[in-house]
Amino acid sequence: MGRTVLDMLVSAPPLWAERLEEAMRGNLVRRGTGLWLADHGLAAGGLALVVLGATAWPIALPLGWTALVLAFFAWVAEADGIALPRPGRSVIRTQGCWETPLAFGVRHGDAALLFTRDEEPDRGGWSDSYTVRQRPDGDDVDPRWVLPLAPGSEWPLRGRTPVATLCFEQHGRVSYVTRGSLERALACAAV
């Protein structure tokens, strides 16, 4: 825990300086600011209430501490791999240990979707596009155990979409894809 706090204190000032620099240049709102505020709103609100309760309005003190405790439990849950709902993002189950997963499953409405990247033998790497398949019965998808690569598979092909259309986020041991990028990817994948 001490190392995490130390890492946060060491990495935070450059981030704050970067954001201050952007604000000075006139870029007050950048892409993803709303999601960042939604992620950190509970902790920031709790801290503001603690300060307000300690200085002017005593009833705000227990409310602030409650918000800080809830933010801490949310952080511990995600560090432990428990997915929490986040505004504007969908939880994904990934296969592959990179920022851009080799395969992932996601629920979209009533459908369970599986995105897989194929190996390209000519280039010796992974494909620049995902193959999108949809499970007909809508059960949850875990790409570690279900990879429908056989030609007679029960997973109908939905299409292919470029990897660059999807935006991934990692919070603790949980991975998310932004809903806007998922919608764009599914629009590109329409067969």
Protein backbone atom coordinates (compact mmCIF):
# COMPACT_ATOMS: atom_id res chain seq x y z
CA MET A 1 0.00 0.00 0.00
CA GLY A 2 2.84 2.37 0.81
CA ARG A 3 4.36 1.78 -2.61
CA THR A 4 1.04 2.61 -4.29
CA VAL A 5 0.75 5.87 -2.38
CA LEU A 6 4.37 6.70 -3.20
CA ASP A 7 3.78 5.93 -6.90
CA MET A 8 0.69 8.14 -6.85
CA LEU A 9 2.57 11.04 -5.25
CA VAL A 10 5.49 10.73 -7.66
CA SER A 11 3.38 10.42 -10.84
CA ALA A 12 0.66 12.90 -9.90
CA PRO A 13 2.63 16.20 -10.12
CA PRO A 14 3.66 15.67 -13.77
CA LEU A 15 0.02 14.91 -14.64
CA TRP A 16 -1.17 18.03 -12.84
CA ALA A 17 1.51 20.10 -14.54
CA GLU A 18 0.45 18.68 -17.91
CA ARG A 19 -3.20 19.53 -17.27
CA LEU A 20 -2.26 23.04 -16.08
CA GLU A 21 -0.19 23.54 -19.22
CA GLU A 22 -3.13 22.50 -21.40
CA ALA A 23 -5.43 24.89 -19.53
CA MET A 24 -2.98 27.74 -20.02
CA ARG A 25 -2.98 27.04 -23.76
CA GLY A 26 -6.79 27.26 -23.81
CA ASN A 27 -7.55 23.52 -23.95
CA LEU A 28 -9.72 23.39 -20.83
CA VAL A 29 -11.80 20.40 -21.87
CA ARG A 30 -10.09 17.49 -23.55
CA ARG A 31 -11.47 14.17 -24.71
CA GLY A 32 -12.29 11.91 -21.78
CA THR A 33 -12.53 14.68 -19.18
CA GLY A 34 -16.14 13.79 -18.40
CA LEU A 35 -15.22 10.15 -17.80
CA TRP A 36 -12.26 11.22 -15.64
CA LEU A 37 -14.58 13.40 -13.54
CA ALA A 38 -17.07 10.55 -13.17
CA ASP A 39 -14.28 8.22 -12.01
CA HIS A 40 -12.83 10.63 -9.44
CA GLY A 41 -15.96 12.55 -8.43
CA LEU A 42 -16.72 10.51 -5.32
CA ALA A 43 -13.22 10.88 -3.91
CA ALA A 44 -12.95 14.57 -4.81
CA GLY A 45 -16.42 15.28 -3.41
CA GLY A 46 -15.56 13.40 -0.23
CA LEU A 47 -12.35 15.37 0.20
CA ALA A 48 -14.19 18.66 -0.38
CA LEU A 49 -16.84 17.68 2.19
CA VAL A 50 -14.16 16.74 4.76
CA VAL A 51 -12.50 20.14 4.31
CA LEU A 52 -15.87 21.90 4.48
CA GLY A 53 -16.85 19.91 7.57
CA ALA A 54 -13.55 20.60 9.31
CA THR A 55 -13.70 24.34 8.67
CA ALA A 56 -17.25 25.61 8.40
CA TRP A 57 -20.10 23.11 8.35
CA PRO A 58 -19.65 20.18 10.80
CA ILE A 59 -22.48 18.06 9.34
CA ALA A 60 -20.45 17.66 6.11
CA LEU A 61 -17.62 15.86 7.93
CA PRO A 62 -19.31 12.42 8.28
CA LEU A 63 -20.67 12.70 4.73
CA GLY A 64 -17.18 13.40 3.43
CA TRP A 65 -15.63 10.49 5.29
CA THR A 66 -18.41 8.19 4.02
CA ALA A 67 -17.71 9.25 0.43
CA LEU A 68 -13.97 8.70 0.91
CA VAL A 69 -14.54 5.23 2.41
CA LEU A 70 -16.84 4.28 -0.51
CA ALA A 71 -14.24 5.52 -3.01
CA PHE A 72 -11.57 3.46 -1.22
CA PHE A 73 -13.71 0.29 -1.30
CA ALA A 74 -14.38 0.82 -5.02
CA TRP A 75 -10.65 1.16 -5.64
CA VAL A 76 -9.89 -2.02 -3.64
CA ALA A 77 -12.63 -3.94 -5.48
CA GLU A 78 -11.20 -3.05 -8.91
CA ALA A 79 -7.67 -3.80 -7.73
CA ASP A 80 -8.99 -7.23 -6.76
CA GLY A 81 -10.64 -7.80 -10.17
CA ILE A 82 -14.27 -7.03 -9.32
CA ALA A 83 -15.84 -5.03 -12.14
CA LEU A 84 -17.78 -1.95 -11.09
CA PRO A 85 -20.20 -0.10 -13.37
CA ARG A 86 -18.56 2.97 -14.87
CA PRO A 87 -20.42 5.62 -16.85
CA GLY A 88 -19.75 5.45 -20.58
CA ARG A 89 -17.88 2.13 -20.45
CA SER A 90 -18.65 -1.57 -20.76
CA VAL A 91 -16.80 -4.30 -18.87
CA ILE A 92 -14.86 -6.73 -21.06
CA ARG A 93 -13.26 -10.10 -20.40
CA THR A 94 -9.90 -10.19 -22.11
CA GLN A 95 -7.40 -12.69 -23.41
CA GLY A 96 -3.89 -11.38 -23.97
CA CYS A 97 -1.88 -9.24 -21.63
CA TRP A 98 -1.42 -6.05 -23.64
CA GLU A 99 -3.23 -2.73 -23.67
CA THR A 100 -5.02 -3.94 -26.81
CA PRO A 101 -6.27 -7.47 -26.06
CA LEU A 102 -5.95 -10.35 -28.53
CA ALA A 103 -9.53 -11.39 -27.79
CA PHE A 104 -12.29 -10.06 -25.60
CA GLY A 105 -15.92 -10.73 -24.84
CA VAL A 106 -18.48 -8.01 -24.13
CA ARG A 107 -22.21 -7.77 -23.58
CA HIS A 108 -23.97 -5.28 -25.84
CA GLY A 109 -27.69 -5.06 -25.14
CA ASP A 110 -28.98 -8.64 -25.18
CA ALA A 111 -26.14 -9.89 -27.37
CA ALA A 112 -22.87 -11.47 -26.29
CA LEU A 113 -20.06 -10.49 -28.67
CA LEU A 114 -16.62 -11.98 -29.13
CA PHE A 115 -13.83 -9.91 -30.74
CA THR A 116 -10.74 -11.87 -31.84
CA ARG A 117 -7.54 -10.85 -33.62
CA ASP A 118 -6.17 -13.40 -36.08
CA GLU A 119 -2.53 -14.18 -36.63
CA GLU A 120 -1.05 -12.93 -39.90
CA PRO A 121 1.55 -15.42 -41.13
CA ASP A 122 2.97 -13.09 -43.86
CA ARG A 123 3.80 -10.27 -41.42
CA GLY A 124 4.50 -12.48 -38.43
CA GLY A 125 2.22 -10.55 -36.06
CA TRP A 126 -1.40 -10.01 -35.19
CA SER A 127 -4.05 -8.65 -37.49
CA ASP A 128 -4.95 -4.94 -37.45
CA SER A 129 -8.64 -5.81 -37.27
CA TYR A 130 -10.92 -7.76 -34.99
CA THR A 131 -13.23 -10.50 -36.25
CA VAL A 132 -16.58 -9.96 -34.53
CA ARG A 133 -18.85 -12.91 -33.73
CA GLN A 134 -22.18 -12.87 -31.92
CA ARG A 135 -23.37 -15.67 -29.69
CA PRO A 136 -26.92 -16.62 -30.64
CA ASP A 137 -28.17 -17.48 -27.14
CA GLY A 138 -26.76 -14.33 -25.52
CA ASP A 139 -24.82 -16.11 -22.74
CA ASP A 140 -21.81 -14.38 -21.22
CA VAL A 141 -18.56 -14.75 -23.14
CA ASP A 142 -15.21 -15.60 -21.63
CA PRO A 143 -12.56 -15.71 -24.39
CA ARG A 144 -10.24 -17.79 -22.23
CA TRP A 145 -12.59 -20.76 -22.53
CA VAL A 146 -14.68 -20.17 -25.67
CA LEU A 147 -12.94 -19.45 -28.96
CA PRO A 148 -15.27 -20.27 -31.87
CA LEU A 149 -12.70 -20.60 -34.63
CA ALA A 150 -14.06 -23.76 -36.28
CA PRO A 151 -15.77 -23.24 -39.67
CA GLY A 152 -19.02 -24.90 -38.54
CA SER A 153 -19.16 -22.86 -35.34
CA GLU A 154 -22.41 -21.85 -33.70
CA TRP A 155 -21.14 -18.28 -33.55
CA PRO A 156 -22.28 -16.41 -36.67
CA LEU A 157 -19.81 -13.91 -38.11
CA ARG A 158 -20.91 -10.32 -37.62
CA GLY A 159 -18.03 -8.71 -39.51
CA ARG A 160 -14.57 -7.21 -39.09
CA THR A 161 -13.60 -3.91 -37.51
CA PRO A 162 -10.27 -2.07 -37.24
CA VAL A 163 -8.47 -2.33 -33.90
CA ALA A 164 -7.93 1.45 -33.86
CA THR A 165 -11.68 2.16 -33.53
CA LEU A 166 -11.80 0.73 -30.00
CA CYS A 167 -10.64 2.60 -26.86
CA PHE A 168 -9.66 0.39 -23.93
CA GLU A 169 -9.13 1.31 -20.28
CA GLN A 170 -7.64 -0.69 -17.43
CA HIS A 171 -8.61 0.05 -13.84
CA GLY A 172 -6.88 -2.25 -11.43
CA ARG A 173 -7.34 -5.76 -12.80
CA VAL A 174 -10.53 -4.90 -14.72
CA SER A 175 -10.67 -3.89 -18.39
CA TYR A 176 -13.28 -1.67 -20.04
CA VAL A 177 -14.09 -0.49 -23.55
CA THR A 178 -15.75 2.90 -24.04
CA ARG A 179 -19.34 2.58 -25.26
CA GLY A 180 -18.87 5.18 -28.00
CA SER A 181 -15.93 3.30 -29.50
CA LEU A 182 -17.85 0.01 -29.22
CA GLU A 183 -20.78 1.53 -31.14
CA ARG A 184 -18.41 2.82 -33.85
CA ALA A 185 -16.72 -0.59 -34.08
CA LEU A 186 -20.05 -2.39 -34.43
CA ALA A 187 -21.14 0.07 -37.12
CA CYS A 188 -17.90 -0.69 -39.03
CA ALA A 189 -18.40 -4.45 -38.51
CA ALA A 190 -21.87 -4.59 -40.08
CA VAL A 191 -21.86 -7.35 -42.71
